[in-house]
PDB file of N, CA and C in Angstrom:
ATOM      1  N   MET A   1       6.703 -27.911 -25.497  1.00  0.00           N
ATOM      2  CA  MET A   1       5.400 -28.350 -26.025  1.00  0.00           C
ATOM      3  C   MET A   1       4.916 -27.391 -27.117  1.00  0.00           C
ATOM      4  N   LEU A   2       5.186 -26.069 -26.951  1.00  0.00           N
ATOM      5  CA  LEU A   2       4.612 -25.072 -27.905  1.00  0.00           C
ATOM      6  C   LEU A   2       5.137 -25.418 -29.370  1.00  0.00           C
ATOM      7  N   PRO A   3       6.428 -25.574 -29.626  1.00  0.00           N
ATOM      8  CA  PRO A   3       6.709 -25.934 -31.000  1.00  0.00           C
ATOM      9  C   PRO A   3       6.053 -27.083 -31.595  1.00  0.00           C
ATOM     10  N   ALA A   4       5.819 -28.169 -30.769  1.00  0.00           N
ATOM     11  CA  ALA A   4       5.223 -29.352 -31.182  1.00  0.00           C
ATOM     12  C   ALA A   4       3.659 -29.029 -31.571  1.00  0.00           C
ATOM     13  N   HIS A   5       3.064 -28.435 -30.512  1.00  0.00           N
ATOM     14  CA  HIS A   5       1.563 -28.095 -30.751  1.00  0.00           C
ATOM     15  C   HIS A   5       1.476 -27.148 -31.995  1.00  0.00           C
ATOM     16  N   TRP A   6       2.306 -26.141 -32.032  1.00  0.00           N
ATOM     17  CA  TRP A   6       2.196 -25.050 -33.283  1.00  0.00           C
ATOM     18  C   TRP A   6       2.253 -25.980 -34.386  1.00  0.00           C
ATOM     19  N   GLN A   7       3.359 -26.631 -34.693  1.00  0.00           N
ATOM     20  CA  GLN A   7       3.564 -27.539 -35.857  1.00  0.00           C
ATOM     21  C   GLN A   7       2.286 -28.311 -36.144  1.00  0.00           C
ATOM     22  N   LEU A   8       1.779 -29.001 -35.180  1.00  0.00           N
ATOM     23  CA  LEU A   8       0.557 -29.821 -35.417  1.00  0.00           C
ATOM     24  C   LEU A   8      -0.618 -28.951 -35.937  1.00  0.00           C
ATOM     25  N   LYS A   9      -0.893 -27.752 -35.441  1.00  0.00           N
ATOM     26  CA  LYS A   9      -2.125 -26.914 -35.655  1.00  0.00           C
ATOM     27  C   LYS A   9      -1.817 -26.177 -36.972  1.00  0.00           C
ATOM     28  N   TYR A  10      -0.732 -25.508 -37.224  1.00  0.00           N
ATOM     29  CA  TYR A  10      -0.564 -24.763 -38.374  1.00  0.00           C
ATOM     30  C   TYR A  10       0.391 -25.282 -39.367  1.00  0.00           C
ATOM     31  N   GLY A  11       1.040 -26.346 -39.209  1.00  0.00           N
ATOM     32  CA  GLY A  11       1.796 -27.073 -40.276  1.00  0.00           C
ATOM     33  C   GLY A  11       3.053 -26.420 -40.521  1.00  0.00           C
ATOM     34  N   HIS A  12       3.541 -25.483 -39.687  1.00  0.00           N
ATOM     35  CA  HIS A  12       4.869 -25.145 -39.968  1.00  0.00           C
ATOM     36  C   HIS A  12       5.633 -24.841 -38.575  1.00  0.00           C
ATOM     37  N   PRO A  13       6.969 -24.844 -38.495  1.00  0.00           N
ATOM     38  CA  PRO A  13       7.523 -24.589 -37.273  1.00  0.00           C
ATOM     39  C   PRO A  13       7.498 -23.271 -36.595  1.00  0.00           C
ATOM     40  N   ILE A  14       7.852 -23.203 -35.457  1.00  0.00           N
ATOM     41  CA  ILE A  14       7.886 -21.889 -34.767  1.00  0.00           C
ATOM     42  C   ILE A  14       9.320 -21.887 -33.999  1.00  0.00           C
ATOM     43  N   TYR A  15      10.098 -20.875 -34.118  1.00  0.00           N
ATOM     44  CA  TYR A  15      11.338 -20.708 -33.599  1.00  0.00           C
ATOM     45  C   TYR A  15      11.591 -19.809 -32.427  1.00  0.00           C
ATOM     46  N   LEU A  16      10.760 -18.805 -32.399  1.00  0.00           N
ATOM     47  CA  LEU A  16      10.846 -17.874 -31.336  1.00  0.00           C
ATOM     48  C   LEU A  16       9.355 -17.492 -30.881  1.00  0.00           C
ATOM     49  N   ALA A  17       9.272 -17.427 -29.510  1.00  0.00           N
ATOM     50  CA  ALA A  17       7.939 -16.849 -28.972  1.00  0.00           C
ATOM     51  C   ALA A  17       8.181 -15.521 -28.570  1.00  0.00           C
ATOM     52  N   GLU A  18       6.925 -14.812 -28.637  1.00  0.00           N
ATOM     53  CA  GLU A  18       6.871 -13.395 -28.190  1.00  0.00           C
ATOM     54  C   GLU A  18       5.744 -13.219 -27.272  1.00  0.00           C
ATOM     55  N   THR A  19       5.783 -12.250 -26.244  1.00  0.00           N
ATOM     56  CA  THR A  19       4.660 -11.929 -25.374  1.00  0.00           C
ATOM     57  C   THR A  19       4.744 -10.472 -25.026  1.00  0.00           C
ATOM     58  N   PHE A  20       3.535  -9.902 -24.708  1.00  0.00           N
ATOM     59  CA  PHE A  20       3.513  -8.483 -24.266  1.00  0.00           C
ATOM     60  C   PHE A  20       2.938  -8.546 -22.881  1.00  0.00           C
ATOM     61  N   VAL A  21       3.613  -7.671 -21.991  1.00  0.00           N
ATOM     62  CA  VAL A  21       3.145  -7.555 -20.605  1.00  0.00           C
ATOM     63  C   VAL A  21       2.851  -6.174 -20.294  1.00  0.00           C
ATOM     64  N   GLU A  22       1.654  -6.036 -19.870  1.00  0.00           N
ATOM     65  CA  GLU A  22       1.072  -4.681 -19.577  1.00  0.00           C
ATOM     66  C   GLU A  22       1.923  -3.969 -18.250  1.00  0.00           C
ATOM     67  N   CYS A  23       2.603  -2.993 -18.487  1.00  0.00           N
ATOM     68  CA  CYS A  23       3.642  -2.511 -17.422  1.00  0.00           C
ATOM     69  C   CYS A  23       2.881  -1.818 -16.277  1.00  0.00           C
ATOM     70  N   GLU A  24       1.781  -1.269 -16.460  1.00  0.00           N
ATOM     71  CA  GLU A  24       1.169  -0.736 -15.351  1.00  0.00           C
ATOM     72  C   GLU A  24       0.531  -1.728 -14.301  1.00  0.00           C
ATOM     73  N   ARG A  25       0.155  -2.924 -14.886  1.00  0.00           N
ATOM     74  CA  ARG A  25      -0.419  -3.885 -14.071  1.00  0.00           C
ATOM     75  C   ARG A  25       0.427  -5.171 -13.570  1.00  0.00           C
ATOM     76  N   PHE A  26       1.603  -5.382 -14.442  1.00  0.00           N
ATOM     77  CA  PHE A  26       2.272  -6.525 -14.232  1.00  0.00           C
ATOM     78  C   PHE A  26       3.840  -6.169 -14.248  1.00  0.00           C
ATOM     79  N   ARG A  27       4.608  -6.909 -13.542  1.00  0.00           N
ATOM     80  CA  ARG A  27       6.185  -6.717 -13.631  1.00  0.00           C
ATOM     81  C   ARG A  27       6.887  -7.605 -14.630  1.00  0.00           C
ATOM     82  N   GLY A  28       6.343  -8.617 -15.052  1.00  0.00           N
ATOM     83  CA  GLY A  28       6.819  -9.665 -15.912  1.00  0.00           C
ATOM     84  C   GLY A  28       7.881 -10.566 -15.202  1.00  0.00           C
ATOM     85  N   THR A  29       7.700 -10.691 -13.884  1.00  0.00           N
ATOM     86  CA  THR A  29       8.610 -11.576 -13.137  1.00  0.00           C
ATOM     87  C   THR A  29       8.769 -12.893 -13.522  1.00  0.00           C
ATOM     88  N   CYS A  30       7.583 -13.541 -13.892  1.00  0.00           N
ATOM     89  CA  CYS A  30       7.658 -14.861 -14.228  1.00  0.00           C
ATOM     90  C   CYS A  30       8.367 -15.012 -15.648  1.00  0.00           C
ATOM     91  N   TYR A  31       8.247 -14.084 -16.472  1.00  0.00           N
ATOM     92  CA  TYR A  31       9.061 -14.237 -17.736  1.00  0.00           C
ATOM     93  C   TYR A  31      10.405 -14.157 -17.516  1.00  0.00           C
ATOM     94  N   ARG A  32      10.939 -13.189 -16.766  1.00  0.00           N
ATOM     95  CA  ARG A  32      12.460 -12.960 -16.495  1.00  0.00           C
ATOM     96  C   ARG A  32      12.962 -14.156 -15.745  1.00  0.00           C
ATOM     97  N   ALA A  33      12.106 -14.819 -14.842  1.00  0.00           N
ATOM     98  CA  ALA A  33      12.610 -16.059 -14.057  1.00  0.00           C
ATOM     99  C   ALA A  33      12.765 -17.147 -15.072  1.00  0.00           C
ATOM    100  N   ALA A  34      11.915 -17.254 -16.133  1.00  0.00           N
ATOM    101  CA  ALA A  34      11.926 -18.304 -17.035  1.00  0.00           C
ATOM    102  C   ALA A  34      12.875 -18.118 -18.185  1.00  0.00           C
ATOM    103  N   ASN A  35      13.780 -17.024 -18.042  1.00  0.00           N
ATOM    104  CA  ASN A  35      14.805 -16.586 -18.990  1.00  0.00           C
ATOM    105  C   ASN A  35      14.230 -16.137 -20.245  1.00  0.00           C
ATOM    106  N   TRP A  36      13.082 -15.453 -20.150  1.00  0.00           N
ATOM    107  CA  TRP A  36      12.782 -14.672 -21.393  1.00  0.00           C
ATOM    108  C   TRP A  36      13.583 -13.525 -21.417  1.00  0.00           C
ATOM    109  N   SER A  37      13.848 -12.904 -22.823  1.00  0.00           N
ATOM    110  CA  SER A  37      14.611 -11.769 -22.912  1.00  0.00           C
ATOM    111  C   SER A  37      13.726 -10.576 -23.103  1.00  0.00           C
ATOM    112  N   TRP A  38      14.015  -9.664 -22.507  1.00  0.00           N
ATOM    113  CA  TRP A  38      13.270  -8.278 -22.535  1.00  0.00           C
ATOM    114  C   TRP A  38      13.809  -7.574 -23.635  1.00  0.00           C
ATOM    115  N   LEU A  39      13.019  -7.151 -24.607  1.00  0.00           N
ATOM    116  CA  LEU A  39      13.507  -6.371 -25.666  1.00  0.00           C
ATOM    117  C   LEU A  39      13.189  -4.931 -25.708  1.00  0.00           C
ATOM    118  N   GLY A  40      12.374  -4.569 -24.855  1.00  0.00           N
ATOM    119  CA  GLY A  40      11.976  -3.108 -24.817  1.00  0.00           C
ATOM    120  C   GLY A  40      10.489  -2.965 -24.498  1.00  0.00           C
ATOM    121  N   GLN A  41       9.958  -1.663 -24.946  1.00  0.00           N
ATOM    122  CA  GLN A  41       8.457  -1.316 -24.679  1.00  0.00           C
ATOM    123  C   GLN A  41       7.828  -0.988 -26.056  1.00  0.00           C
ATOM    124  N   THR A  42       6.544  -1.174 -26.002  1.00  0.00           N
ATOM    125  CA  THR A  42       5.726  -0.693 -27.124  1.00  0.00           C
ATOM    126  C   THR A  42       5.562   0.792 -26.990  1.00  0.00           C
ATOM    127  N   GLN A  43       5.020   1.446 -28.037  1.00  0.00           N
ATOM    128  CA  GLN A  43       4.858   2.934 -28.011  1.00  0.00           C
ATOM    129  C   GLN A  43       3.514   3.285 -27.555  1.00  0.00           C
ATOM    130  N   GLY A  44       2.754   2.381 -27.162  1.00  0.00           N
ATOM    131  CA  GLY A  44       1.336   2.612 -26.666  1.00  0.00           C
ATOM    132  C   GLY A  44       0.323   2.987 -27.747  1.00  0.00           C
ATOM    133  N   ARG A  45       0.559   2.356 -28.892  1.00  0.00           N
ATOM    134  CA  ARG A  45      -0.320   2.580 -30.146  1.00  0.00           C
ATOM    135  C   ARG A  45      -0.828   1.228 -30.388  1.00  0.00           C
ATOM    136  N   GLY A  46      -2.313   1.119 -30.601  1.00  0.00           N
ATOM    137  CA  GLY A  46      -2.961  -0.056 -30.886  1.00  0.00           C
ATOM    138  C   GLY A  46      -2.683  -0.557 -32.210  1.00  0.00           C
ATOM    139  N   ARG A  47      -2.973  -1.823 -32.418  1.00  0.00           N
ATOM    140  CA  ARG A  47      -2.871  -2.532 -33.746  1.00  0.00           C
ATOM    141  C   ARG A  47      -3.524  -1.710 -34.871  1.00  0.00           C
ATOM    142  N   ASN A  48      -4.589  -1.281 -34.631  1.00  0.00           N
ATOM    143  CA  ASN A  48      -5.491  -0.512 -35.573  1.00  0.00           C
ATOM    144  C   ASN A  48      -5.388   0.936 -35.476  1.00  0.00           C
ATOM    145  N   ASP A  49      -4.354   1.459 -34.928  1.00  0.00           N
ATOM    146  CA  ASP A  49      -4.092   2.982 -34.759  1.00  0.00           C
ATOM    147  C   ASP A  49      -3.461   3.594 -36.148  1.00  0.00           C
ATOM    148  N   ARG A  50      -4.308   4.152 -36.899  1.00  0.00           N
ATOM    149  CA  ARG A  50      -3.855   4.673 -38.311  1.00  0.00           C
ATOM    150  C   ARG A  50      -3.561   6.101 -38.147  1.00  0.00           C
ATOM    151  N   SER A  51      -4.305   6.842 -37.148  1.00  0.00           N
ATOM    152  CA  SER A  51      -4.216   8.262 -37.045  1.00  0.00           C
ATOM    153  C   SER A  51      -3.192   8.720 -35.993  1.00  0.00           C
ATOM    154  N   ARG A  52      -2.433   7.739 -35.350  1.00  0.00           N
ATOM    155  CA  ARG A  52      -1.566   7.918 -34.245  1.00  0.00           C
ATOM    156  C   ARG A  52      -2.191   8.774 -33.085  1.00  0.00           C
ATOM    157  N   LEU A  53      -3.420   8.773 -32.908  1.00  0.00           N
ATOM    158  CA  LEU A  53      -4.010   9.349 -31.730  1.00  0.00           C
ATOM    159  C   LEU A  53      -4.541   8.505 -30.733  1.00  0.00           C
ATOM    160  N   SER A  54      -4.859   7.259 -31.148  1.00  0.00           N
ATOM    161  CA  SER A  54      -5.430   6.261 -30.305  1.00  0.00           C
ATOM    162  C   SER A  54      -4.353   5.749 -29.290  1.00  0.00           C
ATOM    163  N   ARG A  55      -4.368   5.963 -28.075  1.00  0.00           N
ATOM    164  CA  ARG A  55      -3.387   5.344 -26.973  1.00  0.00           C
ATOM    165  C   ARG A  55      -3.969   4.133 -26.132  1.00  0.00           C
ATOM    166  N   VAL A  56      -3.097   3.293 -26.025  1.00  0.00           N
ATOM    167  CA  VAL A  56      -3.379   2.001 -25.425  1.00  0.00           C
ATOM    168  C   VAL A  56      -2.106   1.942 -24.303  1.00  0.00           C
ATOM    169  N   SER A  57      -2.324   0.980 -23.455  1.00  0.00           N
ATOM    170  CA  SER A  57      -1.177   0.866 -22.370  1.00  0.00           C
ATOM    171  C   SER A  57       0.079   0.485 -22.855  1.00  0.00           C
ATOM    172  N   ILE A  58       1.156   0.949 -22.368  1.00  0.00           N
ATOM    173  CA  ILE A  58       2.484   0.502 -22.922  1.00  0.00           C
ATOM    174  C   ILE A  58       2.856  -0.759 -22.366  1.00  0.00           C
ATOM    175  N   LYS A  59       3.406  -1.620 -23.246  1.00  0.00           N
ATOM    176  CA  LYS A  59       3.740  -3.058 -22.702  1.00  0.00           C
ATOM    177  C   LYS A  59       5.274  -3.337 -22.928  1.00  0.00           C
ATOM    178  N   ASP A  60       5.685  -4.168 -21.960  1.00  0.00           N
ATOM    179  CA  ASP A  60       7.061  -4.677 -22.020  1.00  0.00           C
ATOM    180  C   ASP A  60       6.909  -5.883 -23.107  1.00  0.00           C
ATOM    181  N   ILE A  61       7.974  -5.858 -23.914  1.00  0.00           N
ATOM    182  CA  ILE A  61       8.025  -7.111 -24.975  1.00  0.00           C
ATOM    183  C   ILE A  61       9.167  -8.092 -24.500  1.00  0.00           C
ATOM    184  N   TYR A  62       8.741  -9.292 -24.412  1.00  0.00           N
ATOM    185  CA  TYR A  62       9.604 -10.311 -24.088  1.00  0.00           C
ATOM    186  C   TYR A  62       9.740 -11.414 -25.203  1.00  0.00           C
ATOM    187  N   VAL A  63      10.822 -12.115 -25.388  1.00  0.00           N
ATOM    188  CA  VAL A  63      10.880 -13.139 -26.385  1.00  0.00           C
ATOM    189  C   VAL A  63      11.620 -14.329 -25.743  1.00  0.00           C
ATOM    190  N   ARG A  64      11.377 -15.488 -26.373  1.00  0.00           N
ATOM    191  CA  ARG A  64      12.174 -16.626 -25.767  1.00  0.00           C
ATOM    192  C   ARG A  64      12.359 -17.617 -27.123  1.00  0.00           C
ATOM    193  N   ALA A  65      13.766 -17.810 -27.336  1.00  0.00           N
ATOM    194  CA  ALA A  65      14.220 -18.631 -28.272  1.00  0.00           C
ATOM    195  C   ALA A  65      13.784 -20.038 -28.084  1.00  0.00           C
ATOM    196  N   LEU A  66      13.160 -20.859 -29.072  1.00  0.00           N
ATOM    197  CA  LEU A  66      12.709 -22.163 -28.930  1.00  0.00           C
ATOM    198  C   LEU A  66      13.668 -23.222 -29.523  1.00  0.00           C
ATOM    199  N   CYS A  67      14.667 -22.639 -30.128  1.00  0.00           N
ATOM    200  CA  CYS A  67      15.715 -23.585 -30.720  1.00  0.00           C
ATOM    201  C   CYS A  67      17.064 -22.682 -30.629  1.00  0.00           C
ATOM    202  N   LYS A  68      18.190 -23.443 -30.637  1.00  0.00           N
ATOM    203  CA  LYS A  68      19.441 -22.651 -30.469  1.00  0.00           C
ATOM    204  C   LYS A  68      19.890 -21.843 -31.681  1.00  0.00           C
ATOM    205  N   ASP A  69      19.397 -22.335 -32.897  1.00  0.00           N
ATOM    206  CA  ASP A  69      19.800 -21.493 -34.131  1.00  0.00           C
ATOM    207  C   ASP A  69      18.674 -20.819 -34.705  1.00  0.00           C
ATOM    208  N   PHE A  70      17.733 -20.248 -33.890  1.00  0.00           N
ATOM    209  CA  PHE A  70      16.582 -19.448 -34.195  1.00  0.00           C
ATOM    210  C   PHE A  70      16.958 -18.202 -35.215  1.00  0.00           C
ATOM    211  N   ARG A  71      18.140 -17.729 -35.044  1.00  0.00           N
ATOM    212  CA  ARG A  71      18.391 -16.612 -35.822  1.00  0.00           C
ATOM    213  C   ARG A  71      18.633 -17.110 -37.347  1.00  0.00           C
ATOM    214  N   GLN A  72      19.309 -18.163 -37.531  1.00  0.00           N
ATOM    215  CA  GLN A  72      19.670 -18.639 -38.832  1.00  0.00           C
ATOM    216  C   GLN A  72      18.417 -19.092 -39.483  1.00  0.00           C
ATOM    217  N   ARG A  73      17.565 -19.762 -38.694  1.00  0.00           N
ATOM    218  CA  ARG A  73      16.270 -20.369 -39.293  1.00  0.00           C
ATOM    219  C   ARG A  73      15.227 -19.275 -39.584  1.00  0.00           C
ATOM    220  N   LEU A  74      15.344 -18.178 -38.824  1.00  0.00           N
ATOM    221  CA  LEU A  74      14.288 -16.981 -39.226  1.00  0.00           C
ATOM    222  C   LEU A  74      14.821 -16.279 -40.395  1.00  0.00           C
ATOM    223  N   THR A  75      16.187 -16.300 -40.624  1.00  0.00           N
ATOM    224  CA  THR A  75      16.707 -15.468 -41.698  1.00  0.00           C
ATOM    225  C   THR A  75      16.968 -16.196 -42.952  1.00  0.00           C
ATOM    226  N   GLN A  76      16.800 -17.436 -42.842  1.00  0.00           N
ATOM    227  CA  GLN A  76      17.246 -18.295 -44.248  1.00  0.00           C
ATOM    228  C   GLN A  76      15.919 -18.230 -45.170  1.00  0.00           C
ATOM    229  N   SER A  77      16.268 -18.390 -46.305  1.00  0.00           N
ATOM    230  CA  SER A  77      15.144 -18.249 -47.456  1.00  0.00           C
ATOM    231  C   SER A  77      14.435 -19.468 -47.421  1.00  0.00           C
ATOM    232  N   CYS A  78      13.080 -19.361 -47.619  1.00  0.00           N
ATOM    233  CA  CYS A  78      12.238 -20.513 -47.543  1.00  0.00           C
ATOM    234  C   CYS A  78      11.915 -21.039 -48.990  1.00  0.00           C
ATOM    235  N   GLY A  79      12.495 -20.369 -49.955  1.00  0.00           N
ATOM    236  CA  GLY A  79      12.227 -20.859 -51.315  1.00  0.00           C
ATOM    237  C   GLY A  79      11.040 -20.393 -51.954  1.00  0.00           C
ATOM    238  N   ARG A  80      10.103 -19.866 -51.208  1.00  0.00           N
ATOM    239  CA  ARG A  80       8.898 -19.407 -51.701  1.00  0.00           C
ATOM    240  C   ARG A  80       9.036 -17.836 -51.952  1.00  0.00           C
ATOM    241  N   CYS A  81       9.997 -17.128 -51.261  1.00  0.00           N
ATOM    242  CA  CYS A  81      10.120 -15.735 -51.374  1.00  0.00           C
ATOM    243  C   CYS A  81      11.264 -15.428 -52.270  1.00  0.00           C
ATOM    244  N   SER A  82      11.047 -14.344 -53.082  1.00  0.00           N
ATOM    245  CA  SER A  82      12.158 -13.859 -54.242  1.00  0.00           C
ATOM    246  C   SER A  82      12.950 -12.819 -53.600  1.00  0.00           C
TER     247      SER A  82
END
């Protein structure tokens, strides 16, 4: 359902979903059970951290392919980029 809803709302396809799980509070069991792939952990820096001083909780990173050829689709040229 996610790819169809994304296409409808944003007008372009989605091939890979990503989520972040706060390690101190959750184990990510539901993502592992649903065949999401664990990629690693964040460094504990927030999105707006420019000084490398602000610390936020470390999170596990999970991804889920939404189509079999997601690597090819994500790396192919869209024609708009040079």
